[in-house]
N, C-alpha and C. Protein backbone atom coordinates (compact mmCIF):
# COMPACT_ATOMS: atom_id res chain seq x y z
N MET A 1 -62.63 59.43 43.09
CA MET A 1 -61.46 60.11 43.55
C MET A 1 -60.28 59.55 42.76
N LYS A 2 -59.28 60.35 42.51
CA LYS A 2 -58.10 59.91 41.78
C LYS A 2 -56.86 60.05 42.67
N LEU A 3 -55.97 59.07 42.58
CA LEU A 3 -54.71 59.08 43.32
C LEU A 3 -53.56 58.82 42.37
N ARG A 4 -52.43 59.44 42.61
CA ARG A 4 -51.20 59.12 41.88
C ARG A 4 -50.20 58.56 42.87
N LEU A 5 -49.64 57.41 42.55
CA LEU A 5 -48.60 56.80 43.36
C LEU A 5 -47.28 56.89 42.61
N VAL A 6 -46.21 57.19 43.31
CA VAL A 6 -44.88 57.27 42.72
C VAL A 6 -43.94 56.42 43.55
N GLY A 7 -43.21 55.52 42.89
CA GLY A 7 -42.26 54.67 43.60
C GLY A 7 -41.72 53.60 42.69
N LEU A 8 -41.02 52.64 43.28
CA LEU A 8 -40.52 51.51 42.51
C LEU A 8 -41.68 50.57 42.17
N PRO A 9 -41.61 49.88 41.04
CA PRO A 9 -42.74 49.04 40.62
C PRO A 9 -43.25 48.07 41.69
N ASP A 10 -42.35 47.38 42.39
CA ASP A 10 -42.79 46.44 43.44
C ASP A 10 -43.48 47.17 44.59
N GLU A 11 -42.95 48.35 44.95
CA GLU A 11 -43.58 49.14 46.02
C GLU A 11 -44.99 49.57 45.60
N ILE A 12 -45.12 49.98 44.36
CA ILE A 12 -46.43 50.43 43.85
C ILE A 12 -47.43 49.28 43.90
N ASP A 13 -47.02 48.09 43.43
CA ASP A 13 -47.93 46.94 43.43
C ASP A 13 -48.38 46.60 44.84
N ASP A 14 -47.45 46.65 45.81
CA ASP A 14 -47.81 46.38 47.21
C ASP A 14 -48.75 47.45 47.75
N ALA A 15 -48.49 48.71 47.38
CA ALA A 15 -49.32 49.81 47.86
C ALA A 15 -50.74 49.72 47.30
N VAL A 16 -50.88 49.35 46.03
CA VAL A 16 -52.20 49.21 45.43
C VAL A 16 -53.00 48.14 46.16
N GLU A 17 -52.34 47.03 46.49
CA GLU A 17 -53.01 45.96 47.22
C GLU A 17 -53.44 46.44 48.61
N ALA A 18 -52.57 47.16 49.31
CA ALA A 18 -52.89 47.67 50.65
C ALA A 18 -54.02 48.70 50.59
N ILE A 19 -53.97 49.58 49.61
CA ILE A 19 -55.01 50.60 49.47
C ILE A 19 -56.36 49.94 49.20
N GLY A 20 -56.35 48.84 48.46
CA GLY A 20 -57.58 48.11 48.17
C GLY A 20 -58.25 47.52 49.40
N GLN A 21 -57.52 47.42 50.50
CA GLN A 21 -58.11 46.94 51.75
C GLN A 21 -58.91 48.04 52.45
N VAL A 22 -58.65 49.29 52.07
CA VAL A 22 -59.27 50.43 52.75
C VAL A 22 -60.33 51.11 51.89
N VAL A 23 -60.08 51.19 50.59
CA VAL A 23 -61.01 51.82 49.66
C VAL A 23 -61.28 50.87 48.50
N GLU A 24 -62.32 51.14 47.74
CA GLU A 24 -62.62 50.34 46.55
C GLU A 24 -61.81 50.89 45.38
N VAL A 25 -60.93 50.06 44.84
CA VAL A 25 -60.10 50.47 43.70
C VAL A 25 -60.87 50.12 42.43
N LEU A 26 -61.26 51.14 41.68
CA LEU A 26 -62.06 50.96 40.48
C LEU A 26 -61.21 50.71 39.25
N GLU A 27 -60.05 51.36 39.18
CA GLU A 27 -59.18 51.22 38.01
C GLU A 27 -57.74 51.53 38.41
N VAL A 28 -56.80 50.79 37.82
CA VAL A 28 -55.37 51.00 38.03
C VAL A 28 -54.72 51.17 36.66
N SER A 29 -53.96 52.23 36.48
CA SER A 29 -53.30 52.46 35.20
C SER A 29 -52.07 51.57 35.06
N ALA A 30 -51.48 51.62 33.90
CA ALA A 30 -50.19 50.97 33.68
C ALA A 30 -49.11 51.71 34.47
N HIS A 31 -47.93 51.11 34.57
CA HIS A 31 -46.78 51.80 35.17
C HIS A 31 -46.20 52.75 34.13
N TYR A 32 -46.12 54.03 34.47
CA TYR A 32 -45.54 55.03 33.58
C TYR A 32 -44.17 55.43 34.12
N PRO A 33 -43.11 55.29 33.32
CA PRO A 33 -41.77 55.66 33.79
C PRO A 33 -41.69 57.14 34.16
N ARG A 34 -40.96 57.44 35.22
CA ARG A 34 -40.73 58.83 35.62
C ARG A 34 -39.64 59.43 34.74
N ARG A 35 -39.63 60.72 34.64
CA ARG A 35 -38.60 61.40 33.85
C ARG A 35 -37.25 61.28 34.53
N GLY A 36 -36.21 61.37 33.72
CA GLY A 36 -34.86 61.34 34.26
C GLY A 36 -34.35 59.92 34.41
N ASN A 37 -33.20 59.81 34.99
CA ASN A 37 -32.54 58.52 35.17
C ASN A 37 -32.97 57.91 36.50
N THR A 38 -34.15 57.29 36.49
CA THR A 38 -34.70 56.71 37.71
C THR A 38 -35.45 55.43 37.37
N ARG A 39 -35.55 54.55 38.35
CA ARG A 39 -36.33 53.32 38.16
C ARG A 39 -37.77 53.50 38.64
N GLN A 40 -38.08 54.67 39.15
CA GLN A 40 -39.42 54.91 39.67
C GLN A 40 -40.44 55.03 38.55
N VAL A 41 -41.69 54.69 38.92
CA VAL A 41 -42.81 54.79 37.99
C VAL A 41 -43.95 55.53 38.68
N SER A 42 -44.91 55.98 37.87
CA SER A 42 -46.15 56.55 38.39
C SER A 42 -47.29 55.62 38.00
N VAL A 43 -48.25 55.48 38.90
CA VAL A 43 -49.46 54.72 38.64
C VAL A 43 -50.63 55.58 39.12
N TYR A 44 -51.69 55.57 38.35
CA TYR A 44 -52.87 56.37 38.66
C TYR A 44 -54.03 55.44 39.04
N LEU A 45 -54.70 55.75 40.14
CA LEU A 45 -55.81 54.94 40.63
C LEU A 45 -57.10 55.76 40.60
N ASP A 46 -58.18 55.12 40.22
CA ASP A 46 -59.52 55.65 40.44
C ASP A 46 -60.08 54.85 41.60
N ILE A 47 -60.50 55.55 42.65
CA ILE A 47 -60.98 54.85 43.85
C ILE A 47 -62.32 55.42 44.29
N ARG A 48 -63.00 54.66 45.14
CA ARG A 48 -64.22 55.11 45.80
C ARG A 48 -64.09 54.71 47.26
N VAL A 49 -64.39 55.65 48.14
CA VAL A 49 -64.31 55.39 49.58
C VAL A 49 -65.41 54.43 49.98
N LYS A 50 -65.04 53.38 50.70
CA LYS A 50 -66.03 52.42 51.22
C LYS A 50 -66.74 53.08 52.38
N THR A 51 -68.06 53.00 52.40
CA THR A 51 -68.81 53.58 53.50
C THR A 51 -69.19 52.49 54.48
N ALA A 52 -69.16 52.83 55.74
CA ALA A 52 -69.58 51.88 56.77
C ALA A 52 -71.09 51.72 56.67
N MET A 53 -71.54 50.49 56.68
CA MET A 53 -72.97 50.22 56.53
C MET A 53 -73.59 49.81 57.86
N ARG A 54 -74.78 50.29 58.09
CA ARG A 54 -75.59 49.85 59.23
C ARG A 54 -76.56 48.80 58.71
N PRO A 55 -77.00 47.89 59.55
CA PRO A 55 -77.97 46.88 59.10
C PRO A 55 -79.19 47.54 58.46
N GLY A 56 -79.58 47.07 57.27
CA GLY A 56 -80.74 47.59 56.58
C GLY A 56 -80.50 48.84 55.77
N GLU A 57 -79.29 49.41 55.83
CA GLU A 57 -78.99 50.63 55.08
C GLU A 57 -78.81 50.30 53.60
N VAL A 58 -79.29 51.19 52.73
CA VAL A 58 -79.21 51.00 51.28
C VAL A 58 -78.10 51.87 50.72
N THR A 59 -77.24 51.31 49.86
CA THR A 59 -76.18 52.07 49.22
C THR A 59 -76.61 52.49 47.83
N ARG A 60 -75.85 53.35 47.19
CA ARG A 60 -76.13 53.74 45.81
C ARG A 60 -76.12 52.53 44.90
N ASP A 61 -75.20 51.59 45.11
CA ASP A 61 -75.11 50.39 44.30
C ASP A 61 -76.36 49.52 44.41
N ASP A 62 -76.98 49.50 45.60
CA ASP A 62 -78.16 48.68 45.83
C ASP A 62 -79.40 49.24 45.12
N GLN A 63 -79.37 50.52 44.78
CA GLN A 63 -80.54 51.17 44.19
C GLN A 63 -80.67 50.90 42.70
N ASP A 64 -79.63 50.42 42.06
CA ASP A 64 -79.67 50.17 40.60
C ASP A 64 -80.48 48.96 40.25
């Protein structure tokens, strides 16, 4: 899954850390400046939703 975050650089860094507590963050792009006279940036995330595991359940990662 892909996400785009828009905000101030410090806000983005905090948001990426918080999002990482809920989903698996696979990749984080550089900060890309927004158009116009603004301090905001865009950051793009590749993520994977963490699945709740039951005891003994096998994930796709475990099958490799």
